[in-house]
């Protein structure tokens, strides 16, 4: 375990946090076996922590036409484009676990176009990247391309919302210098 700081901002002690946030962090720790640093770093501002986690869960945990692994692919690809070490490492670990493919996260992060993905998944990631990097250029042709791969408009909303939400998350992680937990590097290998 690293002794380096996990954020450039103060990280509250678990016992000092409001009860609901303590419960959320303890539940995650019980499931994962450790507390992801993002939970501790964002708990610096409890109201924002709650809002962030609520929107995260609404996007990443709901029933959707996208699998949980596909949603993680979006996070990994767009987070790499945004230069977010924390999200590439942490969500790469989750992608390896959810896809049961130990090489996939690195492939998606480095160049999803050459990754071991279906053409459908590559189209999904191309759109997510467009939302992340060039959203003003989105047009009807983007919807037509996704529809041709069997995605519906709700799936397209999910792709865009995940890309946009993690764009904000990437920027928060970068400005706060959030450090990925050492545990993420070995998960799903």
N, C-alpha and C. Protein backbone atom coordinates (compact mmCIF):
# COMPACT_ATOMS: atom_id res chain seq x y z
N UNK A 1 0.83 -1.18 0.00
CA UNK A 1 0.00 0.00 0.00
C UNK A 1 0.88 1.25 0.00
N UNK A 2 0.47 2.19 -0.77
CA UNK A 2 1.20 3.44 -0.88
C UNK A 2 0.88 4.37 0.29
N UNK A 3 1.87 5.11 0.73
CA UNK A 3 1.66 6.12 1.77
C UNK A 3 1.49 7.51 1.17
N UNK A 4 1.45 7.60 -0.15
CA UNK A 4 1.29 8.89 -0.81
C UNK A 4 -0.13 9.41 -0.59
N UNK A 5 -0.32 10.71 -0.60
CA UNK A 5 -1.67 11.25 -0.38
C UNK A 5 -2.62 10.82 -1.50
N UNK A 6 -3.89 10.62 -1.15
CA UNK A 6 -4.87 10.21 -2.14
C UNK A 6 -5.56 11.39 -2.80
N UNK A 7 -5.38 12.58 -2.27
CA UNK A 7 -5.99 13.79 -2.82
C UNK A 7 -5.21 14.99 -2.30
N UNK A 8 -5.21 16.04 -3.06
CA UNK A 8 -4.55 17.27 -2.59
C UNK A 8 -5.41 18.01 -1.59
N UNK A 9 -6.67 17.57 -1.45
CA UNK A 9 -7.60 18.19 -0.49
C UNK A 9 -7.69 17.33 0.76
N UNK A 10 -8.12 17.91 1.86
CA UNK A 10 -8.24 17.13 3.09
C UNK A 10 -9.19 15.94 2.92
N UNK A 11 -8.78 14.82 3.47
CA UNK A 11 -9.60 13.61 3.44
C UNK A 11 -10.11 13.36 4.85
N UNK A 12 -11.42 13.48 5.04
CA UNK A 12 -11.95 13.30 6.40
C UNK A 12 -11.80 11.87 6.89
N UNK A 13 -11.75 11.72 8.16
CA UNK A 13 -11.76 10.39 8.76
C UNK A 13 -13.17 9.84 8.66
N UNK A 14 -13.28 8.55 8.45
CA UNK A 14 -14.58 7.90 8.27
C UNK A 14 -15.52 8.23 9.41
N UNK A 15 -15.03 8.18 10.64
CA UNK A 15 -15.88 8.43 11.81
C UNK A 15 -16.41 9.87 11.88
N UNK A 16 -15.79 10.78 11.13
CA UNK A 16 -16.22 12.18 11.14
C UNK A 16 -17.30 12.48 10.11
N UNK A 17 -17.59 11.52 9.25
CA UNK A 17 -18.54 11.75 8.16
C UNK A 17 -19.98 11.51 8.62
N UNK A 18 -20.95 12.11 7.93
CA UNK A 18 -22.35 11.84 8.24
C UNK A 18 -22.65 10.34 8.14
N UNK A 19 -23.61 9.89 8.91
CA UNK A 19 -23.91 8.46 9.00
C UNK A 19 -24.19 7.81 7.64
N UNK A 20 -24.96 8.48 6.78
CA UNK A 20 -25.31 7.88 5.49
C UNK A 20 -24.07 7.66 4.62
N UNK A 21 -23.12 8.58 4.70
CA UNK A 21 -21.90 8.43 3.91
C UNK A 21 -21.02 7.34 4.51
N UNK A 22 -20.95 7.28 5.84
CA UNK A 22 -20.22 6.19 6.48
C UNK A 22 -20.78 4.84 6.06
N UNK A 23 -22.09 4.72 6.06
CA UNK A 23 -22.73 3.45 5.68
C UNK A 23 -22.41 3.09 4.23
N UNK A 24 -22.46 4.07 3.34
CA UNK A 24 -22.16 3.82 1.93
C UNK A 24 -20.72 3.35 1.76
N UNK A 25 -19.80 4.01 2.43
CA UNK A 25 -18.38 3.65 2.31
C UNK A 25 -18.13 2.27 2.92
N UNK A 26 -18.72 1.99 4.05
CA UNK A 26 -18.54 0.66 4.68
C UNK A 26 -19.10 -0.45 3.79
N UNK A 27 -20.23 -0.21 3.13
CA UNK A 27 -20.82 -1.21 2.23
C UNK A 27 -19.90 -1.49 1.05
N UNK A 28 -19.31 -0.44 0.49
CA UNK A 28 -18.39 -0.61 -0.63
C UNK A 28 -17.14 -1.37 -0.16
N UNK A 29 -16.63 -1.01 1.00
CA UNK A 29 -15.44 -1.67 1.53
C UNK A 29 -15.70 -3.15 1.77
N UNK A 30 -16.89 -3.46 2.27
CA UNK A 30 -17.23 -4.87 2.52
C UNK A 30 -17.27 -5.66 1.21
N UNK A 31 -17.83 -5.06 0.18
CA UNK A 31 -17.95 -5.74 -1.11
C UNK A 31 -16.60 -5.84 -1.82
N UNK A 32 -15.83 -4.74 -1.84
CA UNK A 32 -14.57 -4.69 -2.59
C UNK A 32 -13.38 -5.22 -1.80
N UNK A 33 -13.46 -5.15 -0.48
CA UNK A 33 -12.32 -5.53 0.34
C UNK A 33 -11.40 -4.36 0.66
N UNK A 34 -11.74 -3.18 0.18
CA UNK A 34 -10.99 -1.95 0.45
C UNK A 34 -11.90 -0.77 0.14
N UNK A 35 -11.49 0.42 0.56
CA UNK A 35 -12.26 1.62 0.28
C UNK A 35 -11.62 2.34 -0.91
N UNK A 36 -12.32 2.39 -2.05
CA UNK A 36 -11.77 3.14 -3.17
C UNK A 36 -11.52 4.61 -2.78
N UNK A 37 -10.37 5.11 -3.16
CA UNK A 37 -9.98 6.46 -2.75
C UNK A 37 -10.96 7.54 -3.18
N UNK A 38 -11.68 7.34 -4.29
CA UNK A 38 -12.63 8.35 -4.74
C UNK A 38 -13.69 8.61 -3.67
N UNK A 39 -14.10 7.59 -2.94
CA UNK A 39 -15.11 7.77 -1.89
C UNK A 39 -14.58 8.68 -0.79
N UNK A 40 -13.35 8.45 -0.41
CA UNK A 40 -12.76 9.27 0.65
C UNK A 40 -12.50 10.69 0.16
N UNK A 41 -11.98 10.82 -1.05
CA UNK A 41 -11.66 12.15 -1.58
C UNK A 41 -12.92 12.99 -1.76
N UNK A 42 -13.97 12.41 -2.31
CA UNK A 42 -15.19 13.17 -2.55
C UNK A 42 -15.98 13.45 -1.28
N UNK A 43 -15.74 12.67 -0.24
CA UNK A 43 -16.46 12.92 1.02
C UNK A 43 -16.02 14.22 1.68
N UNK A 44 -15.01 14.84 1.13
CA UNK A 44 -14.57 16.18 1.58
C UNK A 44 -15.75 17.15 1.56
N UNK A 45 -16.68 16.95 0.63
CA UNK A 45 -17.88 17.78 0.53
C UNK A 45 -19.10 16.84 0.49
N UNK A 46 -19.69 16.55 1.63
CA UNK A 46 -20.75 15.54 1.72
C UNK A 46 -21.92 15.73 0.77
N UNK A 47 -22.42 16.94 0.59
CA UNK A 47 -23.57 17.14 -0.31
C UNK A 47 -23.20 16.79 -1.75
N UNK A 48 -22.01 17.17 -2.16
CA UNK A 48 -21.56 16.84 -3.52
C UNK A 48 -21.30 15.34 -3.65
N UNK A 49 -20.78 14.71 -2.62
CA UNK A 49 -20.58 13.26 -2.60
C UNK A 49 -21.91 12.56 -2.87
N UNK A 50 -22.95 12.97 -2.14
CA UNK A 50 -24.27 12.34 -2.30
C UNK A 50 -24.80 12.51 -3.73
N UNK A 51 -24.70 13.72 -4.27
CA UNK A 51 -25.19 13.98 -5.62
C UNK A 51 -24.39 13.18 -6.66
N UNK A 52 -23.09 13.16 -6.50
CA UNK A 52 -22.22 12.41 -7.41
C UNK A 52 -22.59 10.93 -7.40
N UNK A 53 -22.69 10.36 -6.23
CA UNK A 53 -22.97 8.93 -6.11
C UNK A 53 -24.38 8.59 -6.62
N UNK A 54 -25.33 9.47 -6.39
CA UNK A 54 -26.69 9.21 -6.87
C UNK A 54 -26.71 9.18 -8.40
N UNK A 55 -26.03 10.14 -9.03
CA UNK A 55 -26.02 10.15 -10.50
C UNK A 55 -25.20 8.99 -11.04
N UNK A 56 -24.08 8.69 -10.40
CA UNK A 56 -23.28 7.53 -10.79
C UNK A 56 -24.14 6.27 -10.79
N UNK A 57 -24.84 6.04 -9.70
CA UNK A 57 -25.65 4.83 -9.59
C UNK A 57 -26.79 4.81 -10.61
N UNK A 58 -27.40 5.97 -10.85
CA UNK A 58 -28.49 6.05 -11.84
C UNK A 58 -27.99 5.64 -13.23
N UNK A 59 -26.74 5.95 -13.54
CA UNK A 59 -26.18 5.61 -14.85
C UNK A 59 -25.59 4.21 -14.90
N UNK A 60 -24.89 3.83 -13.87
CA UNK A 60 -24.07 2.62 -13.94
C UNK A 60 -24.72 1.37 -13.36
N UNK A 61 -25.76 1.53 -12.56
CA UNK A 61 -26.35 0.38 -11.88
C UNK A 61 -27.76 0.03 -12.35
N UNK A 62 -28.37 0.88 -13.17
CA UNK A 62 -29.75 0.65 -13.60
C UNK A 62 -29.81 -0.39 -14.71
N UNK A 63 -31.03 -0.93 -14.94
CA UNK A 63 -31.24 -1.80 -16.09
C UNK A 63 -31.11 -0.95 -17.34
N UNK A 64 -30.44 -1.49 -18.34
CA UNK A 64 -30.15 -0.72 -19.54
C UNK A 64 -29.94 -1.69 -20.70
N UNK A 65 -30.02 -1.17 -21.91
CA UNK A 65 -29.67 -1.95 -23.09
C UNK A 65 -28.18 -2.17 -23.21
N UNK A 66 -27.40 -1.46 -22.40
CA UNK A 66 -25.96 -1.64 -22.34
C UNK A 66 -25.62 -2.53 -21.16
N UNK A 67 -24.75 -3.48 -21.37
CA UNK A 67 -24.32 -4.32 -20.25
C UNK A 67 -23.48 -3.48 -19.29
N UNK A 68 -23.29 -3.98 -18.08
CA UNK A 68 -22.43 -3.26 -17.14
C UNK A 68 -21.00 -3.19 -17.66
N UNK A 69 -20.54 -4.23 -18.34
CA UNK A 69 -19.19 -4.20 -18.92
C UNK A 69 -19.11 -3.14 -20.01
N UNK A 70 -20.15 -3.03 -20.85
CA UNK A 70 -20.13 -2.00 -21.90
C UNK A 70 -20.11 -0.59 -21.31
N UNK A 71 -20.83 -0.40 -20.22
CA UNK A 71 -20.79 0.92 -19.58
C UNK A 71 -19.39 1.23 -19.07
N UNK A 72 -18.72 0.22 -18.52
CA UNK A 72 -17.34 0.42 -18.06
C UNK A 72 -16.40 0.69 -19.23
N UNK A 73 -16.66 0.08 -20.39
CA UNK A 73 -15.84 0.37 -21.57
C UNK A 73 -15.91 1.86 -21.91
N UNK A 74 -17.11 2.42 -21.83
CA UNK A 74 -17.28 3.85 -22.11
C UNK A 74 -16.44 4.67 -21.14
N UNK A 75 -16.49 4.31 -19.87
CA UNK A 75 -15.73 5.05 -18.86
C UNK A 75 -14.23 4.96 -19.14
N UNK A 76 -13.75 3.78 -19.44
CA UNK A 76 -12.31 3.59 -19.66
C UNK A 76 -11.84 4.34 -20.90
N UNK A 77 -12.56 4.21 -22.01
CA UNK A 77 -12.14 4.87 -23.26
C UNK A 77 -12.15 6.39 -23.12
N UNK A 78 -13.24 6.93 -22.59
CA UNK A 78 -13.33 8.39 -22.49
C UNK A 78 -12.40 8.94 -21.41
N UNK A 79 -12.21 8.19 -20.34
CA UNK A 79 -11.30 8.64 -19.29
C UNK A 79 -9.86 8.68 -19.78
N UNK A 80 -9.49 7.75 -20.63
CA UNK A 80 -8.15 7.81 -21.20
C UNK A 80 -8.01 9.04 -22.10
N UNK A 81 -9.02 9.32 -22.91
CA UNK A 81 -8.98 10.50 -23.77
C UNK A 81 -8.89 11.78 -22.94
N UNK A 82 -9.45 11.76 -21.75
CA UNK A 82 -9.41 12.91 -20.85
C UNK A 82 -8.19 12.91 -19.93
N UNK A 83 -7.32 11.92 -20.08
CA UNK A 83 -6.10 11.87 -19.29
C UNK A 83 -6.32 11.62 -17.81
N UNK A 84 -7.34 10.85 -17.47
CA UNK A 84 -7.65 10.63 -16.06
C UNK A 84 -7.11 9.28 -15.58
N UNK A 85 -5.97 9.34 -14.93
CA UNK A 85 -5.34 8.12 -14.42
C UNK A 85 -6.26 7.39 -13.45
N UNK A 86 -6.88 8.13 -12.52
CA UNK A 86 -7.72 7.47 -11.52
C UNK A 86 -8.81 6.63 -12.18
N UNK A 87 -9.54 7.22 -13.11
CA UNK A 87 -10.68 6.50 -13.70
C UNK A 87 -10.24 5.39 -14.65
N UNK A 88 -9.15 5.58 -15.38
CA UNK A 88 -8.67 4.51 -16.25
C UNK A 88 -8.27 3.30 -15.40
N UNK A 89 -7.56 3.53 -14.32
CA UNK A 89 -7.09 2.43 -13.47
C UNK A 89 -8.27 1.78 -12.73
N UNK A 90 -9.09 2.58 -12.07
CA UNK A 90 -10.17 2.00 -11.25
C UNK A 90 -11.26 1.37 -12.11
N UNK A 91 -11.70 2.05 -13.15
CA UNK A 91 -12.75 1.47 -13.99
C UNK A 91 -12.20 0.42 -14.93
N UNK A 92 -10.91 0.48 -15.23
CA UNK A 92 -10.27 -0.62 -15.95
C UNK A 92 -10.34 -1.90 -15.14
N UNK A 93 -10.12 -1.78 -13.84
CA UNK A 93 -10.23 -2.95 -12.97
C UNK A 93 -11.65 -3.50 -12.96
N UNK A 94 -12.61 -2.61 -12.87
CA UNK A 94 -14.01 -3.04 -12.87
C UNK A 94 -14.36 -3.68 -14.22
N UNK A 95 -13.86 -3.11 -15.31
CA UNK A 95 -14.10 -3.69 -16.63
C UNK A 95 -13.51 -5.10 -16.71
N UNK A 96 -12.31 -5.30 -16.22
CA UNK A 96 -11.71 -6.65 -16.24
C UNK A 96 -12.59 -7.64 -15.48
N UNK A 97 -13.11 -7.20 -14.33
CA UNK A 97 -13.95 -8.09 -13.51
C UNK A 97 -15.27 -8.36 -14.23
N UNK A 98 -15.93 -7.32 -14.73
CA UNK A 98 -17.26 -7.50 -15.34
C UNK A 98 -17.21 -8.21 -16.68
N UNK A 99 -16.15 -8.01 -17.45
CA UNK A 99 -16.04 -8.66 -18.76
C UNK A 99 -15.40 -10.04 -18.67
N UNK A 100 -14.72 -10.31 -17.57
CA UNK A 100 -13.95 -11.54 -17.39
C UNK A 100 -12.88 -11.69 -18.48
N UNK A 101 -12.36 -10.53 -18.93
CA UNK A 101 -11.30 -10.49 -19.95
C UNK A 101 -10.15 -9.64 -19.40
N UNK A 102 -9.07 -10.28 -18.93
CA UNK A 102 -8.01 -9.54 -18.25
C UNK A 102 -7.23 -8.56 -19.12
N UNK A 103 -7.30 -8.65 -20.44
CA UNK A 103 -6.56 -7.74 -21.30
C UNK A 103 -7.41 -6.60 -21.85
N UNK A 104 -8.72 -6.72 -21.72
CA UNK A 104 -9.63 -5.80 -22.40
C UNK A 104 -9.49 -4.35 -21.95
N UNK A 105 -9.30 -4.10 -20.68
CA UNK A 105 -9.25 -2.71 -20.19
C UNK A 105 -8.09 -1.95 -20.83
N UNK A 106 -6.93 -2.57 -20.92
CA UNK A 106 -5.80 -1.89 -21.53
C UNK A 106 -6.04 -1.67 -23.01
N UNK A 107 -6.63 -2.66 -23.70
CA UNK A 107 -6.94 -2.50 -25.12
C UNK A 107 -7.88 -1.32 -25.34
N UNK A 108 -8.94 -1.26 -24.54
CA UNK A 108 -9.93 -0.19 -24.69
C UNK A 108 -9.31 1.16 -24.37
N UNK A 109 -8.50 1.22 -23.33
CA UNK A 109 -7.89 2.50 -22.94
C UNK A 109 -6.92 3.00 -24.01
N UNK A 110 -6.13 2.13 -24.55
CA UNK A 110 -5.10 2.56 -25.49
C UNK A 110 -5.68 2.86 -26.86
N UNK A 111 -6.50 1.94 -27.39
CA UNK A 111 -7.08 2.16 -28.72
C UNK A 111 -8.25 1.19 -28.89
N UNK A 112 -9.45 1.64 -28.54
CA UNK A 112 -10.63 0.77 -28.62
C UNK A 112 -10.86 0.25 -30.04
N UNK A 113 -10.38 0.97 -31.06
CA UNK A 113 -10.59 0.56 -32.45
C UNK A 113 -9.87 -0.75 -32.76
N UNK A 114 -8.83 -1.05 -32.01
CA UNK A 114 -8.06 -2.28 -32.22
C UNK A 114 -8.30 -3.31 -31.12
N UNK A 115 -9.19 -3.02 -30.22
CA UNK A 115 -9.49 -3.92 -29.10
C UNK A 115 -10.33 -5.10 -29.57
N UNK A 116 -10.33 -6.13 -28.78
CA UNK A 116 -11.12 -7.33 -29.07
C UNK A 116 -12.58 -7.07 -28.72
N UNK A 117 -13.23 -6.25 -29.55
CA UNK A 117 -14.61 -5.84 -29.35
C UNK A 117 -15.42 -6.14 -30.61
N UNK A 118 -16.72 -6.22 -30.44
CA UNK A 118 -17.61 -6.36 -31.60
C UNK A 118 -17.70 -5.02 -32.32
N UNK A 119 -18.15 -5.05 -33.57
CA UNK A 119 -18.36 -3.81 -34.31
C UNK A 119 -19.40 -2.95 -33.60
N UNK A 120 -20.38 -3.58 -32.98
CA UNK A 120 -21.41 -2.86 -32.23
C UNK A 120 -20.77 -2.07 -31.09
N UNK A 121 -19.88 -2.73 -30.33
CA UNK A 121 -19.22 -2.07 -29.21
C UNK A 121 -18.28 -0.95 -29.69
N UNK A 122 -17.63 -1.15 -30.81
CA UNK A 122 -16.76 -0.10 -31.36
C UNK A 122 -17.59 1.11 -31.77
N UNK A 123 -18.78 0.88 -32.34
CA UNK A 123 -19.67 1.99 -32.70
C UNK A 123 -20.12 2.74 -31.44
N UNK A 124 -20.42 1.99 -30.39
CA UNK A 124 -20.82 2.59 -29.11
C UNK A 124 -19.69 3.49 -28.59
N UNK A 125 -18.46 2.98 -28.62
CA UNK A 125 -17.34 3.76 -28.10
C UNK A 125 -17.01 4.94 -29.00
N UNK A 126 -17.17 4.80 -30.31
CA UNK A 126 -16.94 5.94 -31.20
C UNK A 126 -17.90 7.07 -30.86
N UNK A 127 -19.16 6.73 -30.58
CA UNK A 127 -20.13 7.76 -30.21
C UNK A 127 -19.80 8.36 -28.85
N UNK A 128 -19.46 7.52 -27.87
CA UNK A 128 -19.10 8.02 -26.54
C UNK A 128 -17.90 8.96 -26.63
N UNK A 129 -16.94 8.63 -27.48
CA UNK A 129 -15.78 9.49 -27.65
C UNK A 129 -16.18 10.81 -28.31
N UNK A 130 -17.12 10.76 -29.23
CA UNK A 130 -17.59 12.00 -29.87
C UNK A 130 -18.28 12.89 -28.85
N UNK A 131 -19.08 12.29 -27.98
CA UNK A 131 -19.71 13.06 -26.90
C UNK A 131 -18.63 13.69 -26.03
N UNK A 132 -17.60 12.93 -25.71
CA UNK A 132 -16.54 13.39 -24.84
C UNK A 132 -15.67 14.47 -25.47
N UNK A 133 -15.37 14.33 -26.76
CA UNK A 133 -14.35 15.17 -27.37
C UNK A 133 -14.87 16.16 -28.41
N UNK A 134 -16.09 15.94 -28.94
CA UNK A 134 -16.56 16.79 -30.04
C UNK A 134 -18.09 16.80 -30.10
N UNK A 135 -18.73 17.02 -28.98
CA UNK A 135 -20.19 16.87 -28.89
C UNK A 135 -20.95 17.82 -29.81
N UNK A 136 -20.39 18.97 -30.12
CA UNK A 136 -21.11 19.91 -30.99
C UNK A 136 -21.26 19.36 -32.40
N UNK A 137 -20.50 18.34 -32.77
CA UNK A 137 -20.56 17.76 -34.11
C UNK A 137 -21.54 16.59 -34.22
N UNK A 138 -22.22 16.23 -33.14
CA UNK A 138 -23.16 15.12 -33.19
C UNK A 138 -24.33 15.47 -34.09
N UNK A 139 -24.67 14.55 -34.98
CA UNK A 139 -25.78 14.77 -35.91
C UNK A 139 -26.57 13.51 -36.15
N UNK A 140 -27.55 13.62 -37.00
CA UNK A 140 -28.44 12.49 -37.29
C UNK A 140 -27.69 11.26 -37.78
N UNK A 141 -26.59 11.47 -38.48
CA UNK A 141 -25.82 10.33 -38.97
C UNK A 141 -25.27 9.48 -37.82
N UNK A 142 -25.00 10.11 -36.68
CA UNK A 142 -24.52 9.35 -35.52
C UNK A 142 -25.63 8.43 -34.98
N UNK A 143 -26.84 8.97 -34.93
CA UNK A 143 -27.98 8.15 -34.48
C UNK A 143 -28.24 7.02 -35.46
N UNK A 144 -28.19 7.31 -36.75
CA UNK A 144 -28.42 6.28 -37.77
C UNK A 144 -27.39 5.16 -37.65
N UNK A 145 -26.14 5.53 -37.45
CA UNK A 145 -25.09 4.51 -37.31
C UNK A 145 -25.35 3.62 -36.10
N UNK A 146 -25.73 4.22 -34.99
CA UNK A 146 -26.00 3.43 -33.78
C UNK A 146 -27.25 2.58 -33.93
N UNK A 147 -28.28 3.13 -34.55
CA UNK A 147 -29.50 2.35 -34.80
C UNK A 147 -29.19 1.14 -35.67
N UNK A 148 -28.27 1.28 -36.62
CA UNK A 148 -27.92 0.16 -37.51
C UNK A 148 -27.25 -0.98 -36.75
N UNK A 149 -26.74 -0.69 -35.57
CA UNK A 149 -26.12 -1.72 -34.72
C UNK A 149 -27.09 -2.24 -33.65
N UNK A 150 -28.35 -1.80 -33.73
CA UNK A 150 -29.37 -2.31 -32.81
C UNK A 150 -29.57 -1.50 -31.55
N UNK A 151 -28.90 -0.37 -31.43
CA UNK A 151 -29.10 0.50 -30.28
C UNK A 151 -30.37 1.31 -30.47
N UNK A 152 -31.10 1.54 -29.38
CA UNK A 152 -32.27 2.42 -29.46
C UNK A 152 -31.91 3.77 -28.85
N UNK A 153 -32.84 4.70 -28.89
CA UNK A 153 -32.55 6.06 -28.41
C UNK A 153 -32.23 6.10 -26.92
N UNK A 154 -32.81 5.21 -26.13
CA UNK A 154 -32.49 5.16 -24.70
C UNK A 154 -31.06 4.67 -24.47
N UNK A 155 -30.62 3.70 -25.27
CA UNK A 155 -29.23 3.24 -25.19
C UNK A 155 -28.28 4.39 -25.54
N UNK A 156 -28.65 5.16 -26.56
CA UNK A 156 -27.82 6.29 -26.99
C UNK A 156 -27.75 7.34 -25.88
N UNK A 157 -28.87 7.59 -25.22
CA UNK A 157 -28.87 8.51 -24.06
C UNK A 157 -27.88 8.00 -23.02
N UNK A 158 -27.94 6.69 -22.72
CA UNK A 158 -27.03 6.13 -21.71
C UNK A 158 -25.58 6.35 -22.11
N UNK A 159 -25.24 6.09 -23.37
CA UNK A 159 -23.86 6.30 -23.83
C UNK A 159 -23.43 7.75 -23.60
N UNK A 160 -24.29 8.68 -23.99
CA UNK A 160 -23.96 10.10 -23.87
C UNK A 160 -23.87 10.52 -22.41
N UNK A 161 -24.82 10.08 -21.59
CA UNK A 161 -24.82 10.48 -20.18
C UNK A 161 -23.61 9.94 -19.44
N UNK A 162 -23.23 8.71 -19.73
CA UNK A 162 -22.05 8.12 -19.08
C UNK A 162 -20.79 8.88 -19.51
N UNK A 163 -20.66 9.13 -20.80
CA UNK A 163 -19.51 9.88 -21.29
C UNK A 163 -19.43 11.26 -20.66
N UNK A 164 -20.56 11.95 -20.62
CA UNK A 164 -20.59 13.31 -20.06
C UNK A 164 -20.33 13.32 -18.56
N UNK A 165 -20.96 12.41 -17.84
CA UNK A 165 -20.77 12.35 -16.38
C UNK A 165 -19.30 12.07 -16.05
N UNK A 166 -18.71 11.12 -16.76
CA UNK A 166 -17.33 10.80 -16.44
C UNK A 166 -16.36 11.85 -16.94
N UNK A 167 -16.77 12.68 -17.91
CA UNK A 167 -15.96 13.85 -18.26
C UNK A 167 -15.82 14.75 -17.04
N UNK A 168 -16.93 14.96 -16.34
CA UNK A 168 -16.89 15.75 -15.11
C UNK A 168 -16.07 15.03 -14.04
N UNK A 169 -16.30 13.74 -13.89
CA UNK A 169 -15.56 12.96 -12.90
C UNK A 169 -14.06 13.01 -13.18
N UNK A 170 -13.69 12.87 -14.46
CA UNK A 170 -12.27 12.92 -14.84
C UNK A 170 -11.64 14.24 -14.43
N UNK A 171 -12.36 15.32 -14.65
CA UNK A 171 -11.83 16.63 -14.32
C UNK A 171 -11.70 16.81 -12.81
N UNK A 172 -12.66 16.29 -12.07
CA UNK A 172 -12.58 16.35 -10.60
C UNK A 172 -11.38 15.54 -10.10
N UNK A 173 -11.23 14.34 -10.63
CA UNK A 173 -10.12 13.49 -10.19
C UNK A 173 -8.78 14.12 -10.54
N UNK A 174 -8.69 14.73 -11.72
CA UNK A 174 -7.42 15.34 -12.13
C UNK A 174 -7.08 16.57 -11.30
N UNK A 175 -8.04 17.48 -11.11
CA UNK A 175 -7.69 18.70 -10.37
C UNK A 175 -7.38 18.39 -8.91
N UNK A 176 -8.02 17.35 -8.36
CA UNK A 176 -7.79 17.00 -6.95
C UNK A 176 -6.63 16.03 -6.77
N UNK A 177 -6.00 15.63 -7.87
CA UNK A 177 -4.87 14.69 -7.83
C UNK A 177 -5.24 13.40 -7.11
N UNK A 178 -6.41 12.85 -7.44
CA UNK A 178 -6.82 11.59 -6.82
C UNK A 178 -5.91 10.47 -7.28
N UNK A 179 -5.48 9.70 -6.33
CA UNK A 179 -4.57 8.59 -6.58
C UNK A 179 -5.36 7.28 -6.58
N UNK A 180 -5.17 6.44 -7.61
CA UNK A 180 -5.86 5.14 -7.60
C UNK A 180 -5.31 4.25 -6.49
N UNK A 181 -6.18 3.46 -5.91
CA UNK A 181 -5.75 2.47 -4.92
C UNK A 181 -4.85 1.45 -5.56
N UNK A 182 -3.85 0.99 -4.84
CA UNK A 182 -2.96 -0.06 -5.34
C UNK A 182 -3.75 -1.32 -5.71
N UNK A 183 -4.81 -1.61 -4.98
CA UNK A 183 -5.59 -2.83 -5.21
C UNK A 183 -6.18 -2.90 -6.62
N UNK A 184 -6.47 -1.76 -7.22
CA UNK A 184 -7.08 -1.76 -8.55
C UNK A 184 -6.16 -2.40 -9.60
N UNK A 185 -4.86 -2.26 -9.42
CA UNK A 185 -3.93 -2.73 -10.44
C UNK A 185 -3.95 -4.24 -10.64
N UNK A 186 -4.35 -4.98 -9.63
CA UNK A 186 -4.32 -6.44 -9.74
C UNK A 186 -5.71 -7.07 -9.89
N UNK A 187 -6.76 -6.28 -9.75
CA UNK A 187 -8.11 -6.84 -9.85
C UNK A 187 -8.38 -7.39 -11.25
N UNK A 188 -9.01 -8.56 -11.30
CA UNK A 188 -9.45 -9.13 -12.56
C UNK A 188 -8.35 -9.65 -13.44
N UNK A 189 -7.18 -9.87 -12.91
CA UNK A 189 -6.04 -10.37 -13.71
C UNK A 189 -5.94 -11.87 -13.59
